């Protein structure tokens, strides 16, 4: 194991030993290639550079209390990557080969898996890019699938504590029937300016977008889904411009298993005032409890945590999901894949 100060790791890139690659050429995917290179040699006319043919995923491997290494919900990430590929006309990567690539990447970089209770995990970043040369706007005929691993610390420096968020109306994250439901790079590039302007250099954890059509309903927070708790009910937006979060999907199942009701529906901004708890959820942070959501344009502030601590349901859901990831809670849904031999 590497001599790394695991508890001090940021959520950022840390170099590891190997990545796994696979090329699509002549109408088929080739064999896996193991590489220690951190760069990619591609044609200057590759479609990923000019027309945004790029999709990616994010998932994590955890060293459990029992010493076993578990990858969380890799099957769902594989399916979502296929959906993104369909959305921007790229070649799908087979589900079984996705699983094989994740396991191979974890094993090759086993010394970088943070120990149990360090607060860190091994982050896996699979991606597919169009590498075929095109000048006219059309799908590539060649693609590269790649996955690398890097150990990461908590997404938010304060850990599992409530953070302030802010509503922005100046920009839209995505449009109805657009690419918001796909995990493609262009969505994130388009959010960078909004994030910098709205969050004032760290005053807020992230920006909240309203629906692009009416500017009335809560869509999502930057790179995370939104959920709220009211009257023993887990409520999360239903929209055609929101990325289907695997973490949110997991929290919905956990909420139901714990006896909560679940509602997926449009959430008008004014309803924020009625919620007991609120949070943003995603792979990076799992749950980021929301302290308050400010609306600078109207001067309103919707407060969910006066003391900055997570609400009881948020904490319960967070601990339950983390317990499954680390093997301290039974995996009753079959969400984890144990990597043998490390």
Protein backbone atom coordinates (compact mmCIF):
# COMPACT_ATOMS: atom_id res chain seq x y z
CA UNK A 1 0.00 0.00 0.00
CA UNK A 2 1.20 3.49 -0.84
CA UNK A 3 2.40 5.84 1.92
CA UNK A 4 -0.38 8.36 1.46
CA UNK A 5 -2.00 10.57 4.09
CA UNK A 6 -5.42 9.17 3.29
CA UNK A 7 -7.32 11.45 5.67
CA UNK A 8 -5.90 14.53 3.93
CA UNK A 9 -6.72 13.48 0.37
CA UNK A 10 -8.74 16.04 -1.59
CA UNK A 11 -11.36 15.09 -4.16
CA UNK A 12 -8.91 15.42 -7.03
CA UNK A 13 -6.54 13.56 -9.30
CA UNK A 14 -3.76 11.51 -7.71
CA UNK A 15 -1.52 9.49 -10.07
CA UNK A 16 -1.80 5.71 -9.94
CA UNK A 17 -0.03 2.89 -11.79
CA UNK A 18 -2.26 1.78 -14.67
CA UNK A 19 -5.33 2.47 -16.76
CA UNK A 20 -7.32 0.11 -18.96
CA UNK A 21 -8.08 0.89 -22.61
CA UNK A 22 -10.06 -0.64 -25.45
CA UNK A 23 -10.43 0.60 -29.03
CA UNK A 24 -13.38 0.32 -31.38
CA UNK A 25 -12.09 -0.09 -34.94
CA UNK A 26 -13.34 -1.79 -38.09
CA UNK A 27 -16.79 -2.28 -36.61
CA UNK A 28 -15.82 -4.04 -33.36
CA UNK A 29 -14.27 -3.55 -29.93
CA UNK A 30 -10.75 -4.93 -29.57
CA UNK A 31 -8.92 -6.52 -26.66
CA UNK A 32 -8.13 -4.71 -23.43
CA UNK A 33 -4.82 -2.89 -23.25
CA UNK A 34 -3.06 -2.09 -19.98
CA UNK A 35 -1.27 1.25 -20.05
CA UNK A 36 0.89 3.24 -17.66
CA UNK A 37 0.64 6.30 -19.93
CA UNK A 38 -1.45 9.20 -18.67
CA UNK A 39 -1.90 10.78 -22.10
CA UNK A 40 -3.90 9.83 -25.20
CA UNK A 41 -2.60 10.11 -28.75
CA UNK A 42 -5.55 11.02 -30.99
CA UNK A 43 -6.15 12.54 -34.41
CA UNK A 44 -6.50 16.33 -34.52
CA UNK A 45 -9.83 15.90 -36.32
CA UNK A 46 -11.26 13.47 -33.72
CA UNK A 47 -14.97 14.04 -33.09
CA UNK A 48 -14.41 14.35 -29.32
CA UNK A 49 -12.39 17.50 -29.94
CA UNK A 50 -14.74 19.18 -32.39
CA UNK A 51 -18.26 17.85 -31.89
CA UNK A 52 -18.36 16.76 -28.26
CA UNK A 53 -18.56 13.00 -28.72
CA UNK A 54 -17.54 12.21 -25.16
CA UNK A 55 -19.33 10.50 -22.29
CA UNK A 56 -18.10 9.43 -18.88
CA UNK A 57 -19.08 7.84 -15.59
CA UNK A 58 -17.96 7.97 -11.98
CA UNK A 59 -18.06 5.12 -9.48
CA UNK A 60 -16.14 4.03 -6.41
CA UNK A 61 -14.43 1.03 -4.85
CA UNK A 62 -14.28 0.74 -1.05
CA UNK A 63 -12.13 -1.27 1.35
CA UNK A 64 -14.59 -2.64 3.90
CA UNK A 65 -14.37 -3.38 7.60
CA UNK A 66 -13.92 -7.05 6.66
CA UNK A 67 -10.98 -6.23 4.38
CA UNK A 68 -12.94 -6.95 1.22
CA UNK A 69 -13.03 -4.50 -1.69
CA UNK A 70 -16.46 -3.61 -3.05
CA UNK A 71 -17.42 -1.67 -6.18
CA UNK A 72 -20.78 0.05 -5.81
CA UNK A 73 -23.46 -0.44 -8.48
CA UNK A 74 -21.16 -0.83 -11.46
CA UNK A 75 -23.98 -2.43 -13.47
CA UNK A 76 -25.99 0.80 -13.25
CA UNK A 77 -23.01 2.87 -14.37
CA UNK A 78 -22.53 0.52 -17.32
CA UNK A 79 -26.16 0.96 -18.37
CA UNK A 80 -26.05 4.73 -17.98
CA UNK A 81 -22.89 4.94 -20.09
CA UNK A 82 -24.69 3.00 -22.82
CA UNK A 83 -27.60 5.44 -22.59
CA UNK A 84 -25.22 8.39 -22.95
CA UNK A 85 -23.61 6.72 -25.98
CA UNK A 86 -27.03 6.28 -27.56
CA UNK A 87 -27.83 9.93 -26.90
CA UNK A 88 -24.82 11.31 -28.77
CA UNK A 89 -24.48 8.57 -31.40
CA UNK A 90 -21.44 6.75 -30.05
CA UNK A 91 -20.74 3.03 -30.08
CA UNK A 92 -22.02 1.26 -26.96
CA UNK A 93 -19.51 -0.55 -24.73
CA UNK A 94 -20.78 -4.04 -23.73
CA UNK A 95 -22.05 -4.39 -20.15
CA UNK A 96 -20.00 -7.49 -19.36
CA UNK A 97 -16.81 -5.91 -20.66
CA UNK A 98 -17.49 -2.78 -18.60
CA UNK A 99 -17.58 -4.92 -15.46
CA UNK A 100 -14.40 -6.71 -16.51
CA UNK A 101 -12.63 -3.37 -17.09
CA UNK A 102 -13.64 -1.99 -13.68
CA UNK A 103 -12.44 -5.07 -11.83
CA UNK A 104 -9.21 -5.14 -13.82
CA UNK A 105 -8.53 -1.46 -13.09
CA UNK A 106 -9.14 -1.91 -9.36
CA UNK A 107 -6.83 -4.92 -9.18
CA UNK A 108 -4.06 -3.17 -11.11
CA UNK A 109 -4.20 -0.23 -8.70
CA UNK A 110 -4.92 -2.15 -5.50
CA UNK A 111 -2.17 -0.39 -3.54
CA UNK A 112 -4.08 2.87 -3.98
CA UNK A 113 -7.29 1.63 -2.35
CA UNK A 114 -7.65 3.68 0.85
CA UNK A 115 -8.01 1.74 4.10
CA UNK A 116 -11.30 1.37 5.91
CA UNK A 117 -12.37 4.36 8.04
CA UNK A 118 -9.96 6.74 6.29
CA UNK A 119 -12.89 8.62 4.73
CA UNK A 120 -11.35 8.06 1.29
CA UNK A 121 -12.16 5.68 -1.57
CA UNK A 122 -10.82 4.60 -4.95
CA UNK A 123 -12.64 6.61 -7.62
CA UNK A 124 -13.07 5.02 -11.07
CA UNK A 125 -13.54 7.24 -14.11
CA UNK A 126 -14.56 5.34 -17.26
CA UNK A 127 -15.05 7.32 -20.46
CA UNK A 128 -15.69 6.87 -24.17
CA UNK A 129 -14.50 9.37 -26.76
CA UNK A 130 -14.89 9.60 -30.51
CA UNK A 131 -11.39 9.23 -32.01
CA UNK A 132 -12.31 8.90 -35.68
CA UNK A 133 -11.38 11.86 -37.88
CA UNK A 134 -14.35 13.87 -39.14
CA UNK A 135 -14.61 17.41 -40.50
CA UNK A 136 -18.31 17.28 -41.31
CA UNK A 137 -20.70 16.87 -38.37
CA UNK A 138 -21.28 13.12 -38.12
CA UNK A 139 -20.56 10.28 -35.68
CA UNK A 140 -17.05 8.87 -35.56
CA UNK A 141 -16.23 5.43 -36.89
CA UNK A 142 -13.60 4.82 -34.22
CA UNK A 143 -13.81 5.13 -30.41
CA UNK A 144 -11.68 4.73 -27.32
CA UNK A 145 -12.96 3.33 -24.04
CA UNK A 146 -10.70 4.06 -21.08
CA UNK A 147 -10.92 3.76 -17.30
CA UNK A 148 -8.47 5.15 -14.78
CA UNK A 149 -8.46 5.04 -10.99
CA UNK A 150 -7.49 7.65 -8.42
CA UNK A 151 -7.86 7.72 -4.63
CA UNK A 152 -10.09 10.57 -3.48
CA UNK A 153 -11.15 12.18 -0.23
CA UNK A 154 -14.56 13.70 0.55
CA UNK A 155 -16.08 15.93 -2.15
CA UNK A 156 -16.83 18.63 0.42
CA UNK A 157 -14.02 19.50 2.84
CA UNK A 158 -16.35 19.72 5.82
CA UNK A 159 -17.44 16.12 5.34
CA UNK A 160 -21.02 15.16 6.16
CA UNK A 161 -22.23 18.59 7.20
CA UNK A 162 -24.90 20.90 5.79
CA UNK A 163 -23.80 23.39 3.12
CA UNK A 164 -25.41 26.54 1.67
CA UNK A 165 -26.67 26.53 -1.94
CA UNK A 166 -27.88 29.30 -4.24
CA UNK A 167 -30.47 29.54 -7.02
CA UNK A 168 -29.37 30.92 -10.39
CA UNK A 169 -31.73 32.10 -13.12
CA UNK A 170 -29.10 33.57 -15.38
CA UNK A 171 -28.18 30.22 -16.89
CA UNK A 172 -29.83 26.87 -17.64
CA UNK A 173 -27.98 23.63 -17.05
CA UNK A 174 -29.83 21.89 -19.87
CA UNK A 175 -33.11 22.03 -21.76
CA UNK A 176 -36.10 19.68 -21.80
CA UNK A 177 -35.52 16.95 -24.40
CA UNK A 178 -31.85 18.00 -24.60
CA UNK A 179 -28.75 16.21 -23.33
CA UNK A 180 -29.35 16.73 -19.59
CA UNK A 181 -30.29 13.09 -19.13
CA UNK A 182 -26.89 11.99 -20.47
CA UNK A 183 -23.56 12.15 -18.66
CA UNK A 184 -21.64 13.98 -21.37
CA UNK A 185 -18.83 16.48 -20.96
CA UNK A 186 -20.62 19.35 -22.68
CA UNK A 187 -23.18 19.57 -19.88
CA UNK A 188 -20.43 20.14 -17.34
CA UNK A 189 -18.52 22.64 -19.47
CA UNK A 190 -21.75 24.62 -19.82
CA UNK A 191 -22.17 24.75 -16.03
CA UNK A 192 -18.71 26.10 -15.14
CA UNK A 193 -19.47 29.77 -15.76
CA UNK A 194 -22.75 29.54 -13.85
CA UNK A 195 -21.00 27.87 -10.92
CA UNK A 196 -18.21 30.45 -10.68
CA UNK A 197 -20.59 33.40 -10.95
CA UNK A 198 -23.31 32.07 -8.66
CA UNK A 199 -21.14 30.63 -5.89
CA UNK A 200 -18.91 33.69 -5.47
CA UNK A 201 -15.67 31.77 -5.08
CA UNK A 202 -16.85 29.38 -2.38
CA UNK A 203 -19.58 31.30 -0.56
CA UNK A 204 -21.95 28.53 -1.67
CA UNK A 205 -21.29 24.82 -2.17
CA UNK A 206 -23.13 24.72 -5.47
CA UNK A 207 -25.73 26.42 -7.63
CA UNK A 208 -29.33 25.29 -8.13
CA UNK A 209 -30.94 25.45 -11.55
CA UNK A 210 -34.63 25.98 -12.18
CA UNK A 211 -36.38 24.33 -15.11
CA UNK A 212 -35.38 25.96 -18.40
CA UNK A 213 -38.92 26.24 -19.75
CA UNK A 214 -40.78 28.11 -16.99
CA UNK A 215 -38.08 29.00 -14.44
CA UNK A 216 -40.49 27.75 -11.82
CA UNK A 217 -39.44 24.26 -10.75
CA UNK A 218 -36.28 22.96 -9.02
CA UNK A 219 -34.21 20.92 -11.49
CA UNK A 220 -30.89 19.95 -9.96
CA UNK A 221 -27.82 21.24 -8.18
CA UNK A 222 -24.81 21.54 -10.47
CA UNK A 223 -23.70 17.94 -10.82
CA UNK A 224 -26.11 16.44 -8.28
CA UNK A 225 -29.77 15.50 -7.92
CA UNK A 226 -32.01 17.21 -5.35
CA UNK A 227 -34.17 15.53 -2.72
CA UNK A 228 -36.26 16.78 0.19
CA UNK A 229 -37.99 15.28 3.21
CA UNK A 230 -41.50 16.21 4.35
CA UNK A 231 -44.06 14.25 6.37
CA UNK A 232 -42.10 10.99 6.22
CA UNK A 233 -41.87 11.34 2.42
CA UNK A 234 -38.78 11.39 0.19
CA UNK A 235 -39.45 13.88 -2.61
CA UNK A 236 -37.25 14.33 -5.69
CA UNK A 237 -37.84 16.21 -8.97
CA UNK A 238 -39.19 14.59 -12.10
CA UNK A 239 -37.82 16.28 -15.19
CA UNK A 240 -36.70 15.46 -18.74
CA UNK A 241 -33.50 17.48 -18.29
CA UNK A 242 -32.08 15.83 -15.15
CA UNK A 243 -29.33 13.20 -15.13
CA UNK A 244 -30.73 9.97 -13.62
CA UNK A 245 -28.54 9.74 -10.52
CA UNK A 246 -27.57 6.24 -9.42
CA UNK A 247 -27.17 7.52 -5.86
CA UNK A 248 -30.66 9.02 -5.94
CA UNK A 249 -32.04 5.76 -7.32
CA UNK A 250 -30.37 3.94 -4.42
CA UNK A 251 -31.67 6.40 -1.82
CA UNK A 252 -35.20 5.98 -3.18
CA UNK A 253 -35.00 2.20 -2.66
CA UNK A 254 -33.53 2.65 0.82
CA UNK A 255 -36.21 5.19 1.76
CA UNK A 256 -38.96 2.77 0.72
CA UNK A 257 -37.29 -0.07 2.62
CA UNK A 258 -37.21 2.12 5.74
CA UNK A 259 -40.95 2.79 5.50
CA UNK A 260 -40.90 6.17 3.81
CA UNK A 261 -43.18 7.22 0.99
CA UNK A 262 -41.49 8.33 -2.25
CA UNK A 263 -42.68 11.01 -4.67
CA UNK A 264 -41.04 11.86 -8.00
CA UNK A 265 -42.71 15.00 -9.27
CA UNK A 266 -42.13 18.65 -10.21
CA UNK A 267 -41.12 20.75 -7.19
CA UNK A 268 -42.04 24.44 -7.38
CA UNK A 269 -39.56 26.80 -5.75
CA UNK A 270 -42.09 28.07 -3.21
CA UNK A 271 -42.52 24.51 -1.89
CA UNK A 272 -38.96 24.68 -0.54
CA UNK A 273 -40.36 26.60 2.43
CA UNK A 274 -42.35 23.53 3.51
CA UNK A 275 -39.53 20.97 3.61
CA UNK A 276 -38.05 19.62 6.84
CA UNK A 277 -34.78 18.49 5.25
CA UNK A 278 -33.10 18.83 1.86
CA UNK A 279 -30.00 17.45 0.22
CA UNK A 280 -28.01 17.03 -2.98
CA UNK A 281 -26.94 13.51 -3.88
CA UNK A 282 -24.43 11.94 -6.22
CA UNK A 283 -21.46 9.56 -6.42
CA UNK A 284 -18.90 12.10 -5.26
CA UNK A 285 -20.56 13.23 -2.00
CA UNK A 286 -23.28 10.53 -1.60
CA UNK A 287 -25.44 13.06 0.27
CA UNK A 288 -24.59 16.70 0.79
CA UNK A 289 -27.17 17.99 3.30
CA UNK A 290 -28.38 21.47 2.46
CA UNK A 291 -28.22 24.11 5.19
CA UNK A 292 -30.17 26.66 3.17
CA UNK A 293 -30.96 27.69 -0.39
CA UNK A 294 -30.69 31.42 -1.10
CA UNK A 295 -32.55 33.11 -3.95
CA UNK A 296 -30.67 36.41 -4.51
CA UNK A 297 -33.20 37.61 -7.09
CA UNK A 298 -36.15 37.48 -4.69
CA UNK A 299 -34.20 37.91 -1.45
CA UNK A 300 -35.68 34.71 -0.01
CA UNK A 301 -33.69 32.17 1.96
CA UNK A 302 -35.03 28.67 2.56
CA UNK A 303 -33.43 27.28 5.73
CA UNK A 304 -33.39 23.53 6.44
CA UNK A 305 -30.68 23.30 9.11
CA UNK A 306 -30.19 26.12 11.62
CA UNK A 307 -27.24 24.42 13.35
CA UNK A 308 -25.50 23.20 10.18
CA UNK A 309 -26.08 19.54 11.02
CA UNK A 310 -27.76 16.97 8.76
CA UNK A 311 -31.40 16.14 9.42
CA UNK A 312 -32.35 12.76 10.96
CA UNK A 313 -33.58 11.16 7.73
CA UNK A 314 -30.60 12.40 5.73
CA UNK A 315 -28.25 10.97 8.33
CA UNK A 316 -30.11 7.66 8.45
CA UNK A 317 -30.10 7.26 4.66
CA UNK A 318 -26.46 8.31 4.42
CA UNK A 319 -25.32 5.84 7.07
CA UNK A 320 -27.36 3.03 5.54
CA UNK A 321 -25.97 3.55 2.05
CA UNK A 322 -22.39 3.98 3.31
CA UNK A 323 -22.80 0.85 5.39
CA UNK A 324 -23.66 -1.14 2.27
CA UNK A 325 -20.67 0.33 0.42
CA UNK A 326 -18.30 -0.65 3.25
CA UNK A 327 -19.91 -4.00 4.07
CA UNK A 328 -21.11 -3.07 7.55
CA UNK A 329 -24.75 -3.28 6.45
CA UNK A 330 -26.25 -6.26 4.61
CA UNK A 331 -26.36 -5.80 0.84
CA UNK A 332 -29.99 -6.83 0.53
CA UNK A 333 -30.34 -5.30 -2.95
CA UNK A 334 -27.23 -6.87 -4.47
CA UNK A 335 -25.62 -3.51 -5.20
CA UNK A 336 -21.97 -4.32 -4.58
CA UNK A 337 -19.45 -6.34 -6.58
CA UNK A 338 -16.70 -7.87 -4.46
CA UNK A 339 -13.27 -7.82 -6.11
CA UNK A 340 -11.58 -11.09 -5.22
CA UNK A 341 -7.90 -11.59 -4.55
CA UNK A 342 -6.86 -8.17 -3.23
